[in-house]
Amino acid sequence: MSTISVTVEHANNAFMLVEWLKNIRFVQDVTFDMGKTTSGNAEAVQKALDAMQSKHLFSDVDDPVDYQKRIRDEWS
């Protein structure tokens, strides 16, 4: 048996890596030693949402359907 040690900067990325490794059929055991606790990125998402509430993001859009067609057009 061989052992691999991996250091990941962010705990969220480490958690995703652990979940991915657990799903590989030849991996026998995964040990996750997290140096610090984290609550995920919920706080960062909430801050971004709060910042967006105060702005009029789409106030210049007159026709929403035409706007969506223009931004979805891959060939232009």
PDB file of N, CA and C in Angstrom:
ATOM      1  N   MET A   1       0.837  -1.163   0.000  1.00  0.00           N
ATOM      2  CA  MET A   1       0.000   0.000   0.000  1.00  0.00           C
ATOM      3  C   MET A   1       0.889   1.235   0.000  1.00  0.00           C
ATOM      4  N   SER A   2       0.421   2.305  -0.670  1.00  0.00           N
ATOM      5  CA  SER A   2       1.136   3.576  -0.733  1.00  0.00           C
ATOM      6  C   SER A   2       0.283   4.673  -0.113  1.00  0.00           C
ATOM      7  N   THR A   3       0.947   5.682   0.448  1.00  0.00           N
ATOM      8  CA  THR A   3       0.250   6.806   1.071  1.00  0.00           C
ATOM      9  C   THR A   3       0.685   8.088   0.387  1.00  0.00           C
ATOM     10  N   ILE A   4      -0.278   8.956   0.128  1.00  0.00           N
ATOM     11  CA  ILE A   4      -0.013  10.253  -0.494  1.00  0.00           C
ATOM     12  C   ILE A   4      -0.486  11.327   0.469  1.00  0.00           C
ATOM     13  N   SER A   5       0.333  12.355   0.666  1.00  0.00           N
ATOM     14  CA  SER A   5      -0.044  13.490   1.501  1.00  0.00           C
ATOM     15  C   SER A   5      -0.224  14.708   0.602  1.00  0.00           C
ATOM     16  N   VAL A   6      -1.323  15.420   0.779  1.00  0.00           N
ATOM     17  CA  VAL A   6      -1.626  16.585  -0.050  1.00  0.00           C
ATOM     18  C   VAL A   6      -1.934  17.758   0.863  1.00  0.00           C
ATOM     19  N   THR A   7      -1.359  18.914   0.551  1.00  0.00           N
ATOM     20  CA  THR A   7      -1.654  20.139   1.290  1.00  0.00           C
ATOM     21  C   THR A   7      -2.443  21.066   0.377  1.00  0.00           C
ATOM     22  N   VAL A   8      -3.593  21.520   0.861  1.00  0.00           N
ATOM     23  CA  VAL A   8      -4.462  22.402   0.083  1.00  0.00           C
ATOM     24  C   VAL A   8      -4.663  23.687   0.875  1.00  0.00           C
ATOM     25  N   GLU A   9      -4.597  24.820   0.189  1.00  0.00           N
ATOM     26  CA  GLU A   9      -4.650  26.118   0.869  1.00  0.00           C
ATOM     27  C   GLU A   9      -6.000  26.380   1.536  1.00  0.00           C
ATOM     28  N   HIS A  10      -7.098  26.123   0.838  1.00  0.00           N
ATOM     29  CA  HIS A  10      -8.425  26.439   1.366  1.00  0.00           C
ATOM     30  C   HIS A  10      -9.145  25.169   1.796  1.00  0.00           C
ATOM     31  N   ALA A  11      -9.792  25.224   2.954  1.00  0.00           N
ATOM     32  CA  ALA A  11     -10.492  24.062   3.502  1.00  0.00           C
ATOM     33  C   ALA A  11     -11.621  23.601   2.592  1.00  0.00           C
ATOM     34  N   ASN A  12     -12.289  24.533   1.908  1.00  0.00           N
ATOM     35  CA  ASN A  12     -13.375  24.141   1.001  1.00  0.00           C
ATOM     36  C   ASN A  12     -12.846  23.272  -0.135  1.00  0.00           C
ATOM     37  N   ASN A  13     -11.693  23.639  -0.668  1.00  0.00           N
ATOM     38  CA  ASN A  13     -11.095  22.840  -1.742  1.00  0.00           C
ATOM     39  C   ASN A  13     -10.661  21.488  -1.221  1.00  0.00           C
ATOM     40  N   ALA A  14     -10.156  21.455   0.011  1.00  0.00           N
ATOM     41  CA  ALA A  14      -9.745  20.184   0.605  1.00  0.00           C
ATOM     42  C   ALA A  14     -10.941  19.256   0.768  1.00  0.00           C
ATOM     43  N   PHE A  15     -12.046  19.802   1.212  1.00  0.00           N
ATOM     44  CA  PHE A  15     -13.254  18.994   1.377  1.00  0.00           C
ATOM     45  C   PHE A  15     -13.714  18.419   0.044  1.00  0.00           C
ATOM     46  N   MET A  16     -13.689  19.231  -1.023  1.00  0.00           N
ATOM     47  CA  MET A  16     -14.085  18.736  -2.347  1.00  0.00           C
ATOM     48  C   MET A  16     -13.137  17.639  -2.814  1.00  0.00           C
ATOM     49  N   LEU A  17     -11.847  17.801  -2.563  1.00  0.00           N
ATOM     50  CA  LEU A  17     -10.867  16.799  -2.959  1.00  0.00           C
ATOM     51  C   LEU A  17     -11.097  15.487  -2.211  1.00  0.00           C
ATOM     52  N   VAL A  18     -11.399  15.565  -0.924  1.00  0.00           N
ATOM     53  CA  VAL A  18     -11.677  14.363  -0.128  1.00  0.00           C
ATOM     54  C   VAL A  18     -12.879  13.625  -0.688  1.00  0.00           C
ATOM     55  N   GLU A  19     -13.947  14.359  -1.005  1.00  0.00           N
ATOM     56  CA  GLU A  19     -15.149  13.717  -1.555  1.00  0.00           C
ATOM     57  C   GLU A  19     -14.845  13.053  -2.899  1.00  0.00           C
ATOM     58  N   TRP A  20     -14.030  13.698  -3.706  1.00  0.00           N
ATOM     59  CA  TRP A  20     -13.667  13.133  -5.008  1.00  0.00           C
ATOM     60  C   TRP A  20     -12.844  11.858  -4.830  1.00  0.00           C
ATOM     61  N   LEU A  21     -11.875  11.900  -3.913  1.00  0.00           N
ATOM     62  CA  LEU A  21     -11.024  10.732  -3.675  1.00  0.00           C
ATOM     63  C   LEU A  21     -11.812   9.542  -3.145  1.00  0.00           C
ATOM     64  N   LYS A  22     -12.810   9.796  -2.308  1.00  0.00           N
ATOM     65  CA  LYS A  22     -13.626   8.714  -1.755  1.00  0.00           C
ATOM     66  C   LYS A  22     -14.372   7.948  -2.835  1.00  0.00           C
ATOM     67  N   ASN A  23     -14.599   8.587  -3.979  1.00  0.00           N
ATOM     68  CA  ASN A  23     -15.353   7.947  -5.059  1.00  0.00           C
ATOM     69  C   ASN A  23     -14.489   7.194  -6.056  1.00  0.00           C
ATOM     70  N   ILE A  24     -13.190   7.178  -5.849  1.00  0.00           N
ATOM     71  CA  ILE A  24     -12.293   6.401  -6.708  1.00  0.00           C
ATOM     72  C   ILE A  24     -12.221   4.985  -6.141  1.00  0.00           C
ATOM     73  N   ARG A  25     -12.483   3.995  -6.976  1.00  0.00           N
ATOM     74  CA  ARG A  25     -12.646   2.618  -6.477  1.00  0.00           C
ATOM     75  C   ARG A  25     -11.385   2.022  -5.871  1.00  0.00           C
ATOM     76  N   PHE A  26     -10.202   2.432  -6.305  1.00  0.00           N
ATOM     77  CA  PHE A  26      -8.985   1.825  -5.759  1.00  0.00           C
ATOM     78  C   PHE A  26      -8.457   2.562  -4.527  1.00  0.00           C
ATOM     79  N   VAL A  27      -9.078   3.670  -4.125  1.00  0.00           N
ATOM     80  CA  VAL A  27      -8.677   4.374  -2.907  1.00  0.00           C
ATOM     81  C   VAL A  27      -9.284   3.648  -1.716  1.00  0.00           C
ATOM     82  N   GLN A  28      -8.448   3.214  -0.803  1.00  0.00           N
ATOM     83  CA  GLN A  28      -8.912   2.417   0.326  1.00  0.00           C
ATOM     84  C   GLN A  28      -9.366   3.261   1.504  1.00  0.00           C
ATOM     85  N   ASP A  29      -8.684   4.364   1.779  1.00  0.00           N
ATOM     86  CA  ASP A  29      -9.026   5.186   2.942  1.00  0.00           C
ATOM     87  C   ASP A  29      -8.621   6.629   2.676  1.00  0.00           C
ATOM     88  N   VAL A  30      -9.447   7.561   3.136  1.00  0.00           N
ATOM     89  CA  VAL A  30      -9.148   8.982   3.009  1.00  0.00           C
ATOM     90  C   VAL A  30      -9.231   9.596   4.397  1.00  0.00           C
ATOM     91  N   THR A  31      -8.148  10.247   4.830  1.00  0.00           N
ATOM     92  CA  THR A  31      -8.113  10.912   6.120  1.00  0.00           C
ATOM     93  C   THR A  31      -8.055  12.403   5.875  1.00  0.00           C
ATOM     94  N   PHE A  32      -8.938  13.127   6.530  1.00  0.00           N
ATOM     95  CA  PHE A  32      -9.026  14.574   6.330  1.00  0.00           C
ATOM     96  C   PHE A  32      -8.670  15.270   7.638  1.00  0.00           C
ATOM     97  N   ASP A  33      -7.523  15.956   7.668  1.00  0.00           N
ATOM     98  CA  ASP A  33      -7.066  16.677   8.849  1.00  0.00           C
ATOM     99  C   ASP A  33      -7.127  18.160   8.530  1.00  0.00           C
ATOM    100  N   MET A  34      -8.176  18.815   8.998  1.00  0.00           N
ATOM    101  CA  MET A  34      -8.368  20.219   8.681  1.00  0.00           C
ATOM    102  C   MET A  34      -7.751  21.068   9.778  1.00  0.00           C
ATOM    103  N   GLY A  35      -6.846  21.950   9.402  1.00  0.00           N
ATOM    104  CA  GLY A  35      -6.144  22.783  10.365  1.00  0.00           C
ATOM    105  C   GLY A  35      -7.024  23.830  11.016  1.00  0.00           C
ATOM    106  N   LYS A  36      -7.984  24.372  10.279  1.00  0.00           N
ATOM    107  CA  LYS A  36      -8.868  25.372  10.852  1.00  0.00           C
ATOM    108  C   LYS A  36     -10.288  25.115  10.375  1.00  0.00           C
ATOM    109  N   THR A  37     -11.252  25.562  11.153  1.00  0.00           N
ATOM    110  CA  THR A  37     -12.650  25.347  10.790  1.00  0.00           C
ATOM    111  C   THR A  37     -13.080  26.392   9.780  1.00  0.00           C
ATOM    112  N   THR A  38     -14.046  26.030   8.980  1.00  0.00           N
ATOM    113  CA  THR A  38     -14.573  26.940   7.977  1.00  0.00           C
ATOM    114  C   THR A  38     -16.065  26.725   7.847  1.00  0.00           C
ATOM    115  N   SER A  39     -16.748  27.759   7.476  1.00  0.00           N
ATOM    116  CA  SER A  39     -18.193  27.650   7.290  1.00  0.00           C
ATOM    117  C   SER A  39     -18.555  27.676   5.820  1.00  0.00           C
ATOM    118  N   GLY A  40     -17.589  27.499   4.956  1.00  0.00           N
ATOM    119  CA  GLY A  40     -17.849  27.535   3.532  1.00  0.00           C
ATOM    120  C   GLY A  40     -17.798  28.964   3.015  1.00  0.00           C
ATOM    121  N   ASN A  41     -18.390  29.187   1.884  1.00  0.00           N
ATOM    122  CA  ASN A  41     -18.352  30.517   1.292  1.00  0.00           C
ATOM    123  C   ASN A  41     -19.687  31.236   1.428  1.00  0.00           C
ATOM    124  N   ALA A  42     -20.542  30.799   2.345  1.00  0.00           N
ATOM    125  CA  ALA A  42     -21.853  31.419   2.519  1.00  0.00           C
ATOM    126  C   ALA A  42     -21.732  32.892   2.887  1.00  0.00           C
ATOM    127  N   GLU A  43     -20.750  33.239   3.705  1.00  0.00           N
ATOM    128  CA  GLU A  43     -20.574  34.630   4.106  1.00  0.00           C
ATOM    129  C   GLU A  43     -20.178  35.500   2.913  1.00  0.00           C
ATOM    130  N   ALA A  44     -19.296  35.002   2.078  1.00  0.00           N
ATOM    131  CA  ALA A  44     -18.882  35.762   0.894  1.00  0.00           C
ATOM    132  C   ALA A  44     -20.036  35.937  -0.081  1.00  0.00           C
ATOM    133  N   VAL A  45     -20.843  34.900  -0.247  1.00  0.00           N
ATOM    134  CA  VAL A  45     -22.006  34.985  -1.138  1.00  0.00           C
ATOM    135  C   VAL A  45     -22.998  36.003  -0.599  1.00  0.00           C
ATOM    136  N   GLN A  46     -23.251  35.973   0.706  1.00  0.00           N
ATOM    137  CA  GLN A  46     -24.178  36.929   1.308  1.00  0.00           C
ATOM    138  C   GLN A  46     -23.693  38.357   1.138  1.00  0.00           C
ATOM    139  N   LYS A  47     -22.398  38.594   1.292  1.00  0.00           N
ATOM    140  CA  LYS A  47     -21.846  39.934   1.096  1.00  0.00           C
ATOM    141  C   LYS A  47     -22.056  40.409  -0.340  1.00  0.00           C
ATOM    142  N   ALA A  48     -21.849  39.508  -1.296  1.00  0.00           N
ATOM    143  CA  ALA A  48     -22.044  39.866  -2.702  1.00  0.00           C
ATOM    144  C   ALA A  48     -23.510  40.183  -2.981  1.00  0.00           C
ATOM    145  N   LEU A  49     -24.418  39.398  -2.416  1.00  0.00           N
ATOM    146  CA  LEU A  49     -25.846  39.661  -2.605  1.00  0.00           C
ATOM    147  C   LEU A  49     -26.259  40.983  -1.976  1.00  0.00           C
ATOM    148  N   ASP A  50     -25.742  41.264  -0.799  1.00  0.00           N
ATOM    149  CA  ASP A  50     -26.048  42.539  -0.147  1.00  0.00           C
ATOM    150  C   ASP A  50     -25.541  43.715  -0.968  1.00  0.00           C
ATOM    151  N   ALA A  51     -24.379  43.576  -1.579  1.00  0.00           N
ATOM    152  CA  ALA A  51     -23.819  44.644  -2.402  1.00  0.00           C
ATOM    153  C   ALA A  51     -24.644  44.871  -3.660  1.00  0.00           C
ATOM    154  N   MET A  52     -25.213  43.816  -4.207  1.00  0.00           N
ATOM    155  CA  MET A  52     -26.001  43.930  -5.430  1.00  0.00           C
ATOM    156  C   MET A  52     -27.374  44.543  -5.170  1.00  0.00           C
ATOM    157  N   GLN A  53     -27.930  44.406  -3.990  1.00  0.00           N
ATOM    158  CA  GLN A  53     -29.268  44.907  -3.699  1.00  0.00           C
ATOM    159  C   GLN A  53     -29.350  46.420  -3.816  1.00  0.00           C
ATOM    160  N   SER A  54     -28.290  47.110  -3.540  1.00  0.00           N
ATOM    161  CA  SER A  54     -28.323  48.562  -3.548  1.00  0.00           C
ATOM    162  C   SER A  54     -28.151  49.155  -4.937  1.00  0.00           C
ATOM    163  N   LYS A  55     -27.852  48.346  -5.921  1.00  0.00           N
ATOM    164  CA  LYS A  55     -27.603  48.849  -7.266  1.00  0.00           C
ATOM    165  C   LYS A  55     -28.770  48.494  -8.187  1.00  0.00           C
ATOM    166  N   HIS A  56     -28.941  49.288  -9.222  1.00  0.00           N
ATOM    167  CA  HIS A  56     -29.946  49.013 -10.249  1.00  0.00           C
ATOM    168  C   HIS A  56     -29.223  48.325 -11.401  1.00  0.00           C
ATOM    169  N   LEU A  57     -29.096  47.000 -11.302  1.00  0.00           N
ATOM    170  CA  LEU A  57     -28.235  46.262 -12.222  1.00  0.00           C
ATOM    171  C   LEU A  57     -28.737  46.268 -13.662  1.00  0.00           C
ATOM    172  N   PHE A  58     -30.034  46.119 -13.871  1.00  0.00           N
ATOM    173  CA  PHE A  58     -30.562  45.997 -15.230  1.00  0.00           C
ATOM    174  C   PHE A  58     -31.519  47.141 -15.563  1.00  0.00           C
ATOM    175  N   SER A  59     -31.291  48.298 -15.000  1.00  0.00           N
ATOM    176  CA  SER A  59     -32.190  49.422 -15.235  1.00  0.00           C
ATOM    177  C   SER A  59     -32.138  49.917 -16.681  1.00  0.00           C
ATOM    178  N   ASP A  60     -31.048  49.655 -17.385  1.00  0.00           N
ATOM    179  CA  ASP A  60     -30.920  50.117 -18.767  1.00  0.00           C
ATOM    180  C   ASP A  60     -31.469  49.130 -19.787  1.00  0.00           C
ATOM    181  N   VAL A  61     -32.018  47.990 -19.367  1.00  0.00           N
ATOM    182  CA  VAL A  61     -32.557  46.983 -20.273  1.00  0.00           C
ATOM    183  C   VAL A  61     -34.028  47.313 -20.551  1.00  0.00           C
ATOM    184  N   ASP A  62     -34.317  47.621 -21.832  1.00  0.00           N
ATOM    185  CA  ASP A  62     -35.694  47.944 -22.213  1.00  0.00           C
ATOM    186  C   ASP A  62     -36.477  46.687 -22.579  1.00  0.00           C
ATOM    187  N   ASP A  63     -35.840  45.787 -23.346  1.00  0.00           N
ATOM    188  CA  ASP A  63     -36.493  44.559 -23.801  1.00  0.00           C
ATOM    189  C   ASP A  63     -35.708  43.356 -23.265  1.00  0.00           C
ATOM    190  N   PRO A  64     -36.194  42.704 -22.198  1.00  0.00           N
ATOM    191  CA  PRO A  64     -35.456  41.594 -21.594  1.00  0.00           C
ATOM    192  C   PRO A  64     -35.213  40.422 -22.544  1.00  0.00           C
ATOM    193  N   VAL A  65     -36.169  40.139 -23.413  1.00  0.00           N
ATOM    194  CA  VAL A  65     -36.013  39.011 -24.343  1.00  0.00           C
ATOM    195  C   VAL A  65     -34.891  39.292 -25.322  1.00  0.00           C
ATOM    196  N   ASP A  66     -34.868  40.492 -25.885  1.00  0.00           N
ATOM    197  CA  ASP A  66     -33.804  40.866 -26.815  1.00  0.00           C
ATOM    198  C   ASP A  66     -32.450  40.875 -26.112  1.00  0.00           C
ATOM    199  N   TYR A  67     -32.415  41.350 -24.881  1.00  0.00           N
ATOM    200  CA  TYR A  67     -31.171  41.374 -24.102  1.00  0.00           C
ATOM    201  C   TYR A  67     -30.627  39.957 -23.920  1.00  0.00           C
ATOM    202  N   GLN A  68     -31.493  39.019 -23.539  1.00  0.00           N
ATOM    203  CA  GLN A  68     -31.048  37.627 -23.348  1.00  0.00           C
ATOM    204  C   GLN A  68     -30.577  37.006 -24.649  1.00  0.00           C
ATOM    205  N   LYS A  69     -31.258  37.290 -25.748  1.00  0.00           N
ATOM    206  CA  LYS A  69     -30.829  36.757 -27.046  1.00  0.00           C
ATOM    207  C   LYS A  69     -29.439  37.265 -27.401  1.00  0.00           C
ATOM    208  N   ARG A  70     -29.184  38.548 -27.142  1.00  0.00           N
ATOM    209  CA  ARG A  70     -27.875  39.120 -27.473  1.00  0.00           C
ATOM    210  C   ARG A  70     -26.753  38.508 -26.623  1.00  0.00           C
ATOM    211  N   ILE A  71     -26.988  38.315 -25.338  1.00  0.00           N
ATOM    212  CA  ILE A  71     -25.904  37.777 -24.507  1.00  0.00           C
ATOM    213  C   ILE A  71     -25.718  36.281 -24.707  1.00  0.00           C
ATOM    214  N   ARG A  72     -26.704  35.590 -25.233  1.00  0.00           N
ATOM    215  CA  ARG A  72     -26.588  34.158 -25.460  1.00  0.00           C
ATOM    216  C   ARG A  72     -26.083  33.809 -26.850  1.00  0.00           C
ATOM    217  N   ASP A  73     -25.972  34.781 -27.703  1.00  0.00           N
ATOM    218  CA  ASP A  73     -25.548  34.528 -29.086  1.00  0.00           C
ATOM    219  C   ASP A  73     -24.036  34.265 -29.107  1.00  0.00           C
ATOM    220  N   GLU A  74     -23.665  33.005 -29.265  1.00  0.00           N
ATOM    221  CA  GLU A  74     -22.248  32.616 -29.261  1.00  0.00           C
ATOM    222  C   GLU A  74     -21.493  33.058 -30.499  1.00  0.00           C
ATOM    223  N   TRP A  75     -22.191  33.324 -31.564  1.00  0.00           N
ATOM    224  CA  TRP A  75     -21.536  33.542 -32.850  1.00  0.00           C
ATOM    225  C   TRP A  75     -21.339  35.012 -33.176  1.00  0.00           C
ATOM    226  N   SER A  76     -21.690  35.897 -32.259  1.00  0.00           N
ATOM    227  CA  SER A  76     -21.528  37.315 -32.600  1.00  0.00           C
ATOM    228  C   SER A  76     -20.231  37.868 -32.034  1.00  0.00           C
TER     229      SER A  76
END
